[in-house]
Protein backbone atom coordinates (compact mmCIF):
# COMPACT_ATOMS: atom_id res chain seq x y z
CA MET A 1 -11.22 31.47 4.14
CA PRO A 2 -9.63 30.86 0.78
CA THR A 3 -6.34 29.18 0.54
CA VAL A 4 -3.15 31.11 0.14
CA GLN A 5 -2.81 29.94 -3.30
CA GLN A 6 -6.36 30.92 -4.28
CA PHE A 7 -5.91 34.42 -2.65
CA LEU A 8 -2.58 35.21 -4.40
CA GLU A 9 -4.07 33.96 -7.62
CA GLU A 10 -7.23 36.22 -7.23
CA LYS A 11 -5.27 39.41 -6.48
CA THR A 12 -2.64 38.81 -9.11
CA THR A 13 -5.31 38.04 -11.65
CA GLN A 14 -6.92 41.43 -10.82
CA ALA A 15 -3.68 43.01 -11.22
CA ILE A 16 -3.10 41.49 -14.76
CA GLN A 17 -6.43 42.83 -15.73
CA ALA A 18 -5.69 46.33 -14.49
CA ALA A 19 -2.37 46.25 -16.10
CA SER A 20 -3.28 44.90 -19.56
CA GLY A 21 -7.03 45.10 -19.84
CA THR A 22 -7.01 41.22 -20.36
CA THR A 23 -8.96 38.91 -18.08
CA ALA A 24 -6.58 36.01 -17.65
CA PRO A 25 -5.58 33.64 -14.88
CA ALA A 26 -2.51 34.35 -12.82
CA ILE A 27 -1.77 30.61 -12.52
CA VAL A 28 -0.12 30.72 -8.99
CA LYS A 29 1.65 27.65 -7.88
CA PRO A 30 3.95 26.66 -5.01
CA ALA A 31 7.57 27.61 -6.03
CA ALA A 32 9.66 24.77 -7.19
CA ASN A 33 12.70 26.12 -5.32
CA PRO A 34 12.00 27.68 -1.87
CA LYS A 35 15.10 29.93 -1.99
CA PHE A 36 13.23 31.82 -4.69
CA GLY A 37 10.17 32.23 -2.77
CA ASP A 38 7.00 30.45 -1.63
CA TYR A 39 4.50 30.79 -4.63
CA GLN A 40 5.12 31.75 -8.17
CA ALA A 41 2.73 33.45 -10.62
CA ASN A 42 3.43 32.36 -14.30
CA GLY A 43 0.59 33.45 -16.22
CA ILE A 44 1.91 36.71 -17.35
CA MET A 45 3.89 35.45 -20.29
CA ALA A 46 0.77 34.02 -22.06
CA VAL A 47 -0.82 37.39 -21.70
CA ALA A 48 2.20 39.13 -23.06
CA LYS A 49 2.58 36.78 -25.97
CA ALA A 50 -1.02 37.23 -26.85
CA ARG A 51 -0.70 41.02 -26.68
CA LYS A 52 2.77 40.91 -28.37
CA GLN A 53 4.30 42.66 -25.36
CA ASN A 54 7.64 42.25 -23.44
CA PRO A 55 6.65 39.89 -20.58
CA ARG A 56 9.12 41.46 -18.14
CA GLN A 57 7.73 45.01 -18.86
CA LEU A 58 4.23 43.61 -18.38
CA ALA A 59 5.23 41.92 -15.12
CA GLU A 60 6.56 45.38 -13.92
CA ALA A 61 3.24 46.86 -14.83
CA VAL A 62 1.22 43.93 -12.95
CA VAL A 63 3.27 44.36 -9.77
CA ALA A 64 2.58 48.15 -9.79
CA GLN A 65 -1.03 47.20 -9.37
CA LEU A 66 -0.43 44.96 -6.39
CA ASN A 67 -1.50 46.62 -3.06
CA PRO A 68 0.97 45.78 -0.21
CA ALA A 69 -1.77 46.39 2.18
CA GLU A 70 -3.93 43.52 0.79
CA LEU A 71 -1.27 41.01 0.41
CA PRO A 72 0.34 38.88 3.11
CA ALA A 73 3.66 38.54 1.24
CA SER A 74 6.43 40.48 -0.53
CA TRP A 75 7.14 39.84 -4.12
CA GLU A 76 9.85 40.19 -6.90
CA ILE A 77 9.90 39.66 -10.64
CA ALA A 78 12.06 36.85 -11.80
CA GLY A 79 13.36 35.61 -15.20
CA PRO A 80 11.23 36.68 -18.26
CA GLY A 81 8.18 37.58 -16.38
CA PHE A 82 7.57 35.41 -13.24
CA ILE A 83 6.38 36.97 -9.96
CA ASN A 84 7.73 35.31 -6.86
CA PHE A 85 5.92 35.65 -3.59
CA ARG A 86 7.47 35.32 -0.24
CA LEU A 87 4.72 34.94 2.72
CA ASP A 88 5.14 37.39 5.76
CA PRO A 89 6.18 35.43 8.86
CA ASP A 90 3.84 37.60 11.14
CA TRP A 91 0.96 36.92 8.91
CA LEU A 92 1.86 33.24 8.74
CA GLY A 93 1.91 32.95 12.48
CA GLN A 94 -1.61 34.63 12.97
CA THR A 95 -3.03 32.45 10.15
CA LEU A 96 -1.81 29.18 12.07
CA LEU A 97 -3.37 30.47 15.17
CA ALA A 98 -6.70 31.00 13.37
CA ILE A 99 -6.44 27.56 11.90
CA ALA A 100 -5.76 26.12 15.23
CA GLN A 101 -9.15 27.27 16.40
CA ASP A 102 -10.88 25.77 13.37
CA ASP A 103 -12.13 21.97 13.54
CA HIS A 104 -11.77 21.85 9.79
CA LEU A 105 -8.13 23.11 9.84
CA GLY A 106 -8.93 26.15 7.85
CA VAL A 107 -10.45 24.32 4.88
CA ASP A 108 -13.53 25.92 3.49
CA PRO A 109 -16.23 23.73 1.97
CA ALA A 110 -16.45 23.64 -1.72
CA ALA A 111 -18.03 26.59 -3.18
CA ASN A 112 -20.62 24.61 -5.12
CA PRO A 113 -21.26 21.33 -3.13
CA GLU A 114 -22.65 18.49 -5.05
CA THR A 115 -24.33 15.25 -4.76
CA ILE A 116 -21.76 12.61 -5.98
CA VAL A 117 -22.25 8.86 -6.29
CA ILE A 118 -18.99 6.78 -6.09
CA ASP A 119 -19.11 3.15 -7.48
CA PHE A 120 -16.13 0.99 -6.19
CA SER A 121 -15.01 -2.27 -4.92
CA ALA A 122 -17.69 -4.47 -6.53
CA PRO A 123 -16.60 -8.04 -6.14
CA ASN A 124 -18.34 -11.00 -7.71
CA VAL A 125 -20.59 -12.93 -5.35
CA ALA A 126 -19.42 -16.54 -4.60
CA LYS A 127 -15.86 -15.55 -5.04
CA SER A 128 -13.15 -14.61 -2.55
CA MET A 129 -11.95 -11.12 -2.89
CA HIS A 130 -8.36 -11.14 -4.19
CA VAL A 131 -5.58 -8.57 -4.13
CA GLY A 132 -6.92 -7.06 -7.37
CA HIS A 133 -9.93 -5.71 -5.54
CA ILE A 134 -7.93 -3.75 -3.17
CA ARG A 135 -7.06 -0.81 -5.36
CA SER A 136 -10.67 -0.03 -6.22
CA THR A 137 -11.77 -0.51 -2.63
CA ILE A 138 -9.26 1.74 -0.86
CA LEU A 139 -9.07 4.30 -3.71
CA GLY A 140 -12.90 4.65 -3.76
CA ASP A 141 -12.87 4.94 0.04
CA ALA A 142 -10.34 7.62 0.16
CA LEU A 143 -12.14 9.66 -2.52
CA SER A 144 -15.54 9.31 -0.67
CA ARG A 145 -13.74 10.60 2.58
CA VAL A 146 -12.07 13.52 0.87
CA LEU A 147 -15.15 14.64 -1.03
CA ARG A 148 -17.22 14.45 2.05
CA PHE A 149 -14.51 16.53 3.95
CA ARG A 150 -14.92 19.07 1.12
CA GLY A 151 -18.59 19.48 1.84
CA HIS A 152 -20.17 17.30 -0.88
CA THR A 153 -22.97 14.74 -0.23
CA VAL A 154 -21.50 11.44 -1.29
CA GLU A 155 -23.40 8.21 -1.91
CA THR A 156 -21.08 5.14 -2.00
CA ASP A 157 -22.44 2.01 -3.78
CA ASN A 158 -20.90 -1.49 -3.84
CA HIS A 159 -22.20 -2.70 -7.35
CA LEU A 160 -21.95 -6.41 -6.68
CA GLY A 161 -21.54 -8.97 -9.50
CA ASP A 162 -24.58 -11.03 -8.14
CA TRP A 163 -26.30 -12.05 -11.34
CA GLY A 164 -25.23 -14.02 -14.40
CA THR A 165 -24.45 -17.39 -16.01
CA GLN A 166 -22.11 -18.39 -13.12
CA PHE A 167 -25.11 -19.16 -11.02
CA GLY A 168 -26.24 -21.90 -13.07
CA MET A 169 -23.03 -23.58 -12.62
CA LEU A 170 -22.93 -22.89 -9.09
CA ILE A 171 -26.26 -24.43 -8.47
CA VAL A 172 -25.26 -27.51 -10.27
CA GLY A 173 -22.01 -27.78 -8.42
CA TYR A 174 -23.59 -27.23 -5.11
CA ARG A 175 -25.98 -30.12 -5.72
CA SER A 176 -23.33 -32.42 -7.37
CA PHE A 177 -19.88 -31.76 -6.03
CA LEU A 178 -20.29 -29.83 -2.62
CA ASP A 179 -17.94 -30.84 0.21
CA ARG A 180 -20.28 -29.72 3.27
CA ALA A 181 -17.39 -29.64 5.78
CA ALA A 182 -15.28 -27.41 3.49
CA TYR A 183 -18.40 -25.16 2.76
CA GLU A 184 -19.04 -24.69 6.40
CA GLN A 185 -15.59 -23.70 7.13
CA ASP A 186 -14.87 -21.43 4.18
CA PRO A 187 -17.97 -21.11 1.89
CA LEU A 188 -16.47 -18.82 -0.71
CA ALA A 189 -13.39 -20.99 -1.17
CA GLU A 190 -15.72 -24.13 -1.70
CA MET A 191 -18.09 -22.24 -4.09
CA GLU A 192 -14.97 -21.23 -6.21
CA ARG A 193 -13.82 -24.75 -6.13
CA ILE A 194 -17.26 -26.28 -7.32
CA TYR A 195 -17.53 -23.55 -9.79
CA LYS A 196 -14.22 -24.39 -11.40
CA GLU A 197 -15.14 -28.13 -11.28
CA VAL A 198 -18.33 -27.64 -13.10
CA GLN A 199 -16.68 -25.11 -15.63
CA ALA A 200 -13.84 -27.52 -16.47
CA THR A 201 -16.23 -30.71 -16.61
CA SER A 202 -18.68 -29.02 -18.84
CA THR A 203 -16.24 -28.57 -21.58
CA THR A 204 -16.28 -32.27 -22.25
CA ASP A 205 -19.60 -33.27 -20.54
CA ALA A 206 -22.52 -31.75 -22.69
CA ALA A 207 -25.14 -32.91 -20.47
CA LEU A 208 -23.58 -31.06 -17.37
CA ALA A 209 -23.34 -27.85 -19.50
CA ASP A 210 -26.91 -28.29 -20.40
CA ARG A 211 -27.95 -28.84 -16.64
CA ALA A 212 -26.12 -25.57 -15.81
CA ARG A 213 -27.97 -23.62 -18.53
CA GLU A 214 -31.24 -25.07 -17.39
CA GLU A 215 -30.77 -24.37 -13.75
CA LEU A 216 -29.70 -20.84 -14.67
CA ALA A 217 -32.96 -20.46 -16.83
CA LYS A 218 -35.01 -21.76 -13.73
CA LEU A 219 -33.35 -19.16 -11.56
CA GLN A 220 -34.26 -16.30 -13.93
CA ARG A 221 -37.95 -17.59 -14.09
CA GLY A 222 -37.99 -17.30 -10.24
CA ASP A 223 -37.85 -21.08 -9.35
CA ALA A 224 -38.17 -21.26 -5.54
CA ALA A 225 -35.47 -23.69 -4.88
CA ASN A 226 -32.91 -22.02 -7.07
CA THR A 227 -33.87 -18.66 -5.81
CA ALA A 228 -33.19 -20.02 -2.15
CA LEU A 229 -29.84 -21.21 -3.20
CA TRP A 230 -28.98 -17.81 -4.93
CA ARG A 231 -29.94 -16.03 -1.79
CA GLU A 232 -27.78 -18.24 0.37
CA PHE A 233 -24.77 -17.70 -1.86
CA MET A 234 -25.59 -13.95 -1.54
CA GLN A 235 -25.81 -14.08 2.32
CA VAL A 236 -22.59 -15.86 2.83
CA SER A 237 -20.74 -13.95 0.23
CA ARG A 238 -21.83 -10.68 1.91
CA GLN A 239 -20.88 -11.88 5.32
CA ALA A 240 -17.32 -12.77 4.11
CA PHE A 241 -17.01 -9.40 2.23
CA GLU A 242 -18.28 -7.20 5.23
CA ARG A 243 -15.62 -8.90 7.46
CA LEU A 244 -12.79 -7.80 5.00
CA TYR A 245 -14.41 -4.44 4.70
CA ALA A 246 -14.40 -4.12 8.49
CA ARG A 247 -10.73 -4.88 8.50
CA LEU A 248 -10.15 -2.14 5.98
CA ASN A 249 -12.53 0.26 7.74
CA VAL A 250 -14.48 0.64 4.49
CA HIS A 251 -18.28 1.14 4.55
CA PHE A 252 -20.97 1.52 1.84
CA ASP A 253 -24.07 3.33 1.82
CA HIS A 254 -25.73 0.98 -0.68
CA TRP A 255 -25.26 -2.59 -1.91
CA LEU A 256 -27.12 -2.58 -5.12
CA GLY A 257 -25.83 -5.34 -7.36
CA GLU A 258 -26.60 -6.30 -10.80
CA SER A 259 -29.68 -8.42 -9.69
CA PHE A 260 -31.32 -5.23 -8.41
CA TYR A 261 -31.44 -3.91 -11.83
CA HIS A 262 -32.44 -7.01 -13.79
CA PRO A 263 -36.15 -6.37 -13.83
CA MET A 264 -35.31 -2.86 -15.40
CA LEU A 265 -33.26 -4.08 -18.38
CA ALA A 266 -35.96 -4.98 -20.90
CA SER A 267 -37.60 -1.50 -20.49
CA VAL A 268 -34.06 0.09 -20.84
CA VAL A 269 -33.70 -1.75 -24.18
CA GLN A 270 -37.14 -0.79 -25.27
CA GLU A 271 -36.78 2.79 -24.54
CA LEU A 272 -33.45 3.15 -26.36
CA ARG A 273 -34.97 1.58 -29.34
CA GLU A 274 -38.08 3.93 -29.18
CA LYS A 275 -35.68 6.84 -29.09
CA ASN A 276 -33.64 5.38 -32.10
CA LEU A 277 -30.48 5.17 -30.08
CA ALA A 278 -30.21 1.44 -30.41
CA ARG A 279 -31.16 -0.76 -33.31
CA PRO A 280 -30.93 -4.52 -34.32
CA SER A 281 -27.73 -5.81 -35.86
CA GLU A 282 -27.37 -9.41 -36.92
CA GLY A 283 -30.11 -10.39 -34.34
CA ALA A 284 -28.51 -8.46 -31.53
CA ILE A 285 -29.37 -4.98 -30.29
CA CYS A 286 -26.50 -2.44 -30.29
CA ILE A 287 -25.96 1.34 -29.77
CA PHE A 288 -24.03 2.87 -32.78
CA TYR A 289 -21.95 5.97 -32.56
CA ASP A 290 -21.66 8.91 -34.88
CA GLU A 291 -19.02 8.34 -37.56
CA ASP A 292 -17.15 11.11 -36.56
CA THR A 293 -16.19 9.86 -33.17
CA GLU A 294 -13.64 7.57 -31.93
CA LEU A 295 -16.15 5.01 -30.79
CA ALA A 296 -17.89 4.57 -34.26
CA LYS A 297 -16.07 1.40 -35.04
CA THR A 298 -17.18 -0.42 -31.77
CA PRO A 299 -20.89 -0.71 -31.27
CA PHE A 300 -22.22 -1.03 -27.82
CA LEU A 301 -23.99 -4.34 -27.37
CA ILE A 302 -26.99 -4.29 -25.04
CA GLN A 303 -28.80 -7.29 -25.99
CA LYS A 304 -27.50 -10.57 -27.39
CA GLN A 305 -29.11 -12.77 -30.21
CA ASP A 306 -30.52 -15.07 -27.65
CA GLY A 307 -32.24 -12.21 -25.84
CA ALA A 308 -29.70 -12.13 -22.89
CA PHE A 309 -28.59 -8.68 -21.55
CA LEU A 310 -25.09 -7.75 -20.72
CA TYR A 311 -23.10 -5.63 -18.43
CA ALA A 312 -23.70 -2.64 -20.72
CA THR A 313 -27.47 -3.00 -20.31
CA THR A 314 -27.17 -3.18 -16.56
CA ASP A 315 -24.91 -0.09 -16.42
CA LEU A 316 -27.22 1.94 -18.29
CA ALA A 317 -30.18 0.91 -16.08
CA THR A 318 -27.84 1.74 -13.12
CA ILE A 319 -27.22 5.20 -14.29
CA GLN A 320 -30.90 5.79 -14.79
CA TYR A 321 -31.84 4.66 -11.38
CA ARG A 322 -29.19 6.77 -9.77
CA ALA A 323 -30.16 9.78 -11.76
CA GLU A 324 -33.80 9.43 -10.56
CA THR A 325 -33.03 8.46 -6.90
CA PHE A 326 -29.96 10.42 -5.94
CA ARG A 327 -30.18 13.29 -8.52
CA PRO A 328 -26.36 13.51 -8.64
CA GLN A 329 -24.15 16.11 -10.27
CA ARG A 330 -21.42 13.44 -10.67
CA ILE A 331 -21.09 9.69 -10.80
CA ILE A 332 -17.63 8.21 -10.43
CA TYR A 333 -16.68 4.66 -11.26
CA VAL A 334 -13.47 3.29 -9.93
CA THR A 335 -12.24 0.35 -11.72
CA ASP A 336 -9.00 -0.81 -13.46
CA GLY A 337 -7.85 0.56 -16.65
CA ARG A 338 -8.71 -2.35 -18.76
CA GLN A 339 -12.43 -1.16 -18.72
CA GLN A 340 -11.73 2.29 -20.35
CA LEU A 341 -13.26 1.47 -23.65
CA HIS A 342 -16.44 0.19 -21.93
CA PHE A 343 -16.86 3.44 -19.94
CA ARG A 344 -16.23 5.64 -22.80
CA GLN A 345 -18.99 3.84 -24.65
CA LEU A 346 -21.22 3.76 -21.66
CA PHE A 347 -20.92 7.55 -20.94
CA ALA A 348 -21.51 8.47 -24.58
CA ALA A 349 -24.73 6.26 -24.68
CA ALA A 350 -25.92 7.80 -21.31
CA GLN A 351 -25.37 11.16 -22.75
CA SER A 352 -27.12 10.50 -25.93
CA TRP A 353 -30.04 9.17 -23.72
CA GLY A 354 -30.44 12.49 -22.08
CA HIS A 355 -28.41 12.08 -18.91
CA THR A 356 -26.57 15.24 -18.15
CA MET A 357 -24.68 14.65 -14.90
CA THR A 358 -20.84 14.35 -15.03
CA LEU A 359 -19.78 10.71 -15.58
CA GLU A 360 -16.13 9.99 -14.65
CA HIS A 361 -14.01 6.91 -14.86
CA VAL A 362 -11.30 6.91 -12.26
CA TRP A 363 -9.11 4.16 -13.45
CA PHE A 364 -5.94 2.56 -12.03
CA GLY A 365 -3.02 0.44 -12.99
CA ALA A 366 -1.94 -3.05 -11.84
CA ILE A 367 -0.22 -4.33 -8.79
CA LEU A 368 2.93 -6.11 -9.99
CA GLY A 369 5.25 -8.61 -8.17
CA ALA A 370 9.05 -8.30 -7.96
CA ASP A 371 9.05 -9.92 -11.52
CA GLY A 372 7.24 -7.00 -12.91
CA LYS A 373 4.25 -9.24 -13.73
CA PRO A 374 0.76 -8.98 -12.02
CA ILE A 375 1.14 -10.27 -8.49
CA LYS A 376 0.12 -13.90 -7.94
CA THR A 377 0.85 -16.66 -5.54
CA ARG A 378 3.70 -19.24 -6.23
CA GLU A 379 0.94 -21.50 -7.92
CA GLY A 380 0.04 -18.68 -10.31
CA GLN A 381 -3.20 -17.98 -8.55
CA PRO A 382 -4.54 -14.47 -7.56
CA ILE A 383 -3.56 -13.62 -3.83
CA LYS A 384 -6.53 -13.62 -1.82
CA LEU A 385 -7.14 -10.27 -0.11
CA ALA A 386 -7.70 -11.80 3.36
CA ALA A 387 -4.35 -13.61 3.20
CA LEU A 388 -2.52 -10.43 2.10
CA LEU A 389 -3.98 -8.49 5.01
CA ASP A 390 -2.89 -11.41 7.55
CA GLU A 391 0.49 -11.29 6.12
CA ALA A 392 0.71 -7.57 6.59
CA GLU A 393 -0.26 -7.89 10.20
CA GLU A 394 2.16 -10.78 10.99
CA ARG A 395 5.02 -8.88 9.52
CA ALA A 396 4.04 -5.71 11.38
CA ARG A 397 3.74 -7.71 14.66
CA ALA A 398 7.26 -8.90 14.07
CA ILE A 399 8.56 -5.45 13.84
CA VAL A 400 6.56 -4.35 16.79
CA GLN A 401 8.04 -7.24 18.93
CA GLU A 402 11.60 -6.27 17.77
CA LYS A 403 11.10 -2.45 18.37
CA ASN A 404 8.90 -2.32 21.50
CA PRO A 405 8.91 -5.83 23.17
CA GLY A 406 7.46 -4.30 26.33
CA LEU A 407 3.89 -4.07 24.87
CA SER A 408 1.40 -6.54 25.93
CA ALA A 409 0.12 -9.04 23.68
CA THR A 410 -3.10 -7.12 23.22
CA GLU A 411 -1.25 -3.80 22.59
CA GLN A 412 1.07 -5.57 20.05
CA ALA A 413 -1.97 -7.03 18.19
CA THR A 414 -3.53 -3.56 18.06
CA VAL A 415 -0.27 -1.85 16.72
CA ALA A 416 0.39 -4.46 14.29
CA ARG A 417 -3.32 -4.21 12.88
CA VAL A 418 -3.15 -0.50 12.60
CA VAL A 419 0.48 -0.47 11.14
CA GLY A 420 -0.03 -3.61 8.81
CA ILE A 421 -3.36 -2.57 7.27
CA GLY A 422 -2.29 1.06 7.00
CA ALA A 423 0.94 0.14 5.27
CA VAL A 424 -0.81 -1.89 2.66
CA LYS A 425 -3.29 1.04 2.01
CA TYR A 426 -0.68 3.81 1.85
CA ALA A 427 1.63 1.67 -0.51
CA ASP A 428 -1.12 1.75 -2.91
CA LEU A 429 -2.44 5.27 -2.34
CA MET A 430 0.88 6.94 -2.50
CA GLN A 431 1.21 5.85 -6.12
CA ASN A 432 0.11 7.79 -9.10
CA ARG A 433 -3.15 5.73 -9.62
CA THR A 434 -2.73 5.39 -13.24
CA ALA A 435 0.56 3.70 -13.13
CA ASP A 436 1.41 0.08 -12.29
CA TYR A 437 3.68 -0.45 -9.25
CA ARG A 438 5.71 -3.17 -7.75
CA PHE A 439 4.58 -4.52 -4.39
CA SER A 440 7.30 -4.85 -1.79
CA TRP A 441 6.85 -5.80 1.93
CA ASP A 442 10.31 -4.29 2.91
CA LYS A 443 9.35 -0.88 1.38
CA LEU A 444 5.74 -0.59 2.55
CA LEU A 445 6.61 -1.57 6.24
CA ALA A 446 9.68 0.60 6.39
CA LEU A 447 9.87 3.01 9.37
CA ASP A 448 11.64 5.61 7.09
CA GLY A 449 10.78 6.97 3.71
CA ASN A 450 7.46 7.59 2.25
CA THR A 451 5.47 4.98 4.14
CA ALA A 452 2.42 4.72 6.47
CA PRO A 453 4.52 3.55 9.39
CA TYR A 454 6.77 6.65 9.01
CA LEU A 455 3.82 8.88 9.16
CA GLN A 456 2.05 6.86 11.91
CA TYR A 457 5.34 7.08 13.98
CA ALA A 458 5.71 10.73 13.24
CA TYR A 459 2.28 11.37 14.66
CA ALA A 460 2.85 9.17 17.70
CA ARG A 461 6.14 10.93 18.26
CA ILE A 462 4.57 14.25 18.49
CA ARG A 463 1.86 12.98 20.86
CA SER A 464 4.66 11.72 23.08
CA ILE A 465 6.14 15.24 23.32
CA PHE A 466 3.05 16.51 24.90
CA ARG A 467 2.80 13.50 27.36
CA LYS A 468 6.42 13.84 28.27
CA GLY A 469 6.09 17.53 29.00
CA GLY A 470 2.85 17.41 30.95
CA PHE A 471 0.83 19.17 28.30
CA THR A 472 -1.60 16.43 27.52
CA ALA A 473 -4.50 19.09 27.89
CA TRP A 474 -2.75 21.87 25.98
CA GLN A 475 -4.74 24.00 23.76
CA PRO A 476 -3.56 27.13 21.97
CA ALA A 477 -5.02 30.37 23.47
CA SER A 478 -6.65 32.50 20.89
CA ASP A 479 -4.68 35.54 21.71
CA MET A 480 -1.40 33.91 22.27
CA PRO A 481 1.72 35.45 20.38
CA VAL A 482 2.93 33.26 17.52
CA ARG A 483 6.67 34.12 16.53
CA LEU A 484 7.97 32.08 13.63
CA LEU A 485 11.49 33.32 13.74
CA ALA A 486 13.65 30.30 12.54
CA PRO A 487 13.56 29.08 8.88
CA GLU A 488 12.71 25.57 10.04
CA GLU A 489 9.52 26.92 11.86
CA GLN A 490 8.37 29.07 8.81
CA ALA A 491 8.95 26.11 6.23
CA LEU A 492 6.80 23.80 8.56
CA ALA A 493 4.04 26.42 8.83
CA LYS A 494 4.04 27.05 4.96
CA GLN A 495 3.79 23.35 4.16
CA MET A 496 0.63 23.13 6.63
CA LEU A 497 -0.96 26.00 4.62
CA ARG A 498 -0.79 23.96 1.38
CA PHE A 499 -3.41 21.40 2.73
CA GLY A 500 -6.49 23.03 1.28
CA ASP A 501 -4.85 23.42 -2.16
CA VAL A 502 -3.86 19.86 -2.13
CA LEU A 503 -7.39 18.70 -1.45
CA ILE A 504 -8.82 20.86 -4.14
CA GLU A 505 -6.29 19.33 -6.64
CA LEU A 506 -7.00 15.92 -5.34
CA GLU A 507 -10.83 16.42 -6.03
CA ARG A 508 -9.89 17.73 -9.56
CA SER A 509 -7.53 14.70 -10.46
CA TYR A 510 -8.87 11.98 -8.23
CA LYS A 511 -5.25 11.26 -7.10
CA PRO A 512 -4.73 10.57 -3.46
CA ASN A 513 -0.94 10.32 -3.97
CA LEU A 514 -1.12 14.19 -3.82
CA LEU A 515 -2.29 13.95 -0.36
CA ALA A 516 0.20 11.22 0.55
CA ASN A 517 2.99 13.34 -0.85
CA PHE A 518 1.78 16.36 1.20
CA LEU A 519 1.74 14.27 4.47
CA TYR A 520 5.22 12.86 3.81
CA GLU A 521 6.61 16.36 3.13
CA LEU A 522 4.93 17.63 6.32
CA ALA A 523 6.54 14.82 8.59
CA THR A 524 9.82 15.59 6.79
CA GLN A 525 9.57 19.30 7.44
CA PHE A 526 8.53 18.47 11.11
CA ASN A 527 11.62 16.31 11.58
CA LEU A 528 13.87 19.04 10.30
CA PHE A 529 12.23 21.56 12.68
CA TYR A 530 12.47 19.15 15.69
CA GLN A 531 16.02 18.33 15.12
CA ALA A 532 17.03 21.93 15.07
CA HIS A 533 14.88 23.29 17.84
CA SER A 534 13.82 22.13 21.36
CA VAL A 535 10.24 22.24 22.22
CA LEU A 536 10.21 21.04 25.90
CA LYS A 537 13.34 22.99 26.83
CA ALA A 538 12.58 25.96 24.61
CA PRO A 539 12.79 29.55 26.13
CA GLN A 540 9.57 30.53 27.79
CA ASP A 541 8.82 33.05 25.04
CA ARG A 542 9.45 30.52 22.14
CA GLN A 543 7.54 27.46 23.77
CA PRO A 544 3.96 28.28 22.88
CA THR A 545 4.96 28.76 19.14
CA ARG A 546 6.63 25.55 19.03
CA LEU A 547 3.92 23.62 20.78
CA LEU A 548 1.56 25.14 18.36
CA LEU A 549 3.49 23.83 15.42
CA CYS A 550 3.73 20.40 17.06
CA ASP A 551 -0.05 20.28 17.82
CA LEU A 552 -1.10 21.60 14.33
CA THR A 553 1.40 18.93 12.50
CA ALA A 554 -0.22 16.11 14.59
CA ARG A 555 -3.67 17.34 13.51
CA TYR A 556 -2.80 17.62 9.93
CA LEU A 557 -1.14 14.12 10.01
CA LYS A 558 -4.13 12.55 11.75
CA THR A 559 -6.68 14.29 9.56
CA GLY A 560 -4.83 13.53 6.33
CA LEU A 561 -4.24 9.85 7.14
CA ASP A 562 -7.83 9.51 8.08
CA LEU A 563 -8.93 10.99 4.71
CA LEU A 564 -6.71 8.22 3.27
CA GLY A 565 -8.63 5.62 5.41
CA ILE A 566 -5.51 5.00 7.57
CA GLU A 567 -5.71 4.90 11.48
CA THR A 568 -3.19 6.55 13.86
CA LEU A 569 -1.91 5.52 17.20
CA GLU A 570 -1.04 7.67 20.26
CA ALA A 571 1.87 5.59 21.10
CA MET A 572 3.96 3.00 18.87
């Protein structure tokens, strides 16, 4: 079924055309103030301006074209030409009942489902993932979940940084400075240590720097011993990454890193040169852009003077491979905002090359500490992601022990994991992704306000109502009467019906905070309803409606949190 917003927009657009002879969208949005109605059409003024008409008079002509038999709402003209709609409570109740019979909560699949590749997380091999990786990882995962829910075919790809100059230094460091015991205990930490030691020493030791370059060259030529070491670095890195992804409940369809594309790079450069899209410049090979574009002053370097390839070359090869293998309509890259220029250059180059799919850079801001600077340890180092998740679970466990000490140790550990990891994810996803935000343990673990624990508790609270009342197997009957008589009941129902529109807008903007805000408003509306009206002690003729409202609220909360990659608990 179309969403309420889509349906009202379609009918009002038709009325505008009938009244004015102009095809123009009605632009229906939820009303800013509920006392004026539920939805508002505000496209009439633009039509009136274009036709040099009085907008109020045009609005009167438009509403005269609306058919009361077709619309589940009443309406009135407001201001200079707005049309406010108020949904009919009886229709609202029957719609909720229909949604309750639908496993997809009334959300239709996208009208034109696509194949979409999402490139996210992408840590560097031989380095521990740090807090800076979390935004790409959980944002990309949330987008993949929402797009799949919307009916698209999604291919997720973890484009690892697994090739490049650092491996020459790692091979030298492994053979010269390795602490075997430390490596066996935490291989990534030890690889980071030896890499930094070689990097620092080579600034004053030319022979060591030469050795690192020589070992890299041997690796690139396929030397057996160096290739075996590289594969070992790959294996231990992936094992460490997969442990973290398991904690975050993040999964990838593909792990195609930079090394996968390395054999393709020479042919990419050759083809771009043959098509006159790239040309030599001071010994290097660059792509130049038309003088009338903003990119004209910044050539895109794809091969250095010494013949080495760059990220740009790999990214172009990756687009070509994905186009041929997955045939996507969209490729989405989820990285931080500092890479905006690179992706503008990349997309322009790919389009000139002939790739016609939509290429989108979904970028995000930084995570800041209390001082407003990028969050780091007290020693000034990036916070390791594993350490952040450990602390989240420890802090959540302390809260669980205080609030519900009767739980067993196993139950406390489960609740701490779900609440702690969920809190970290939600604290990020509820932000506008393009903004920087300040990380605060107190805020993200709070049981009130716009937090994951608040939403998780709201869900668990609703499930406890059904257990307490002996309704654990309750299901709404398809013919049960639904009577939404109280304003709190109607407000809760209307909030639920916005779910589909929120997902459509989330797909358009790639902003999961829209879903987070919907869930927070839903939980808030539920609490207002529950404070005002009894469920288990409700009159016999009112209880089915209130159980339906509780059941659907819980389903929306669980579904919405799952789309954000956040687990729920039946009890907390």
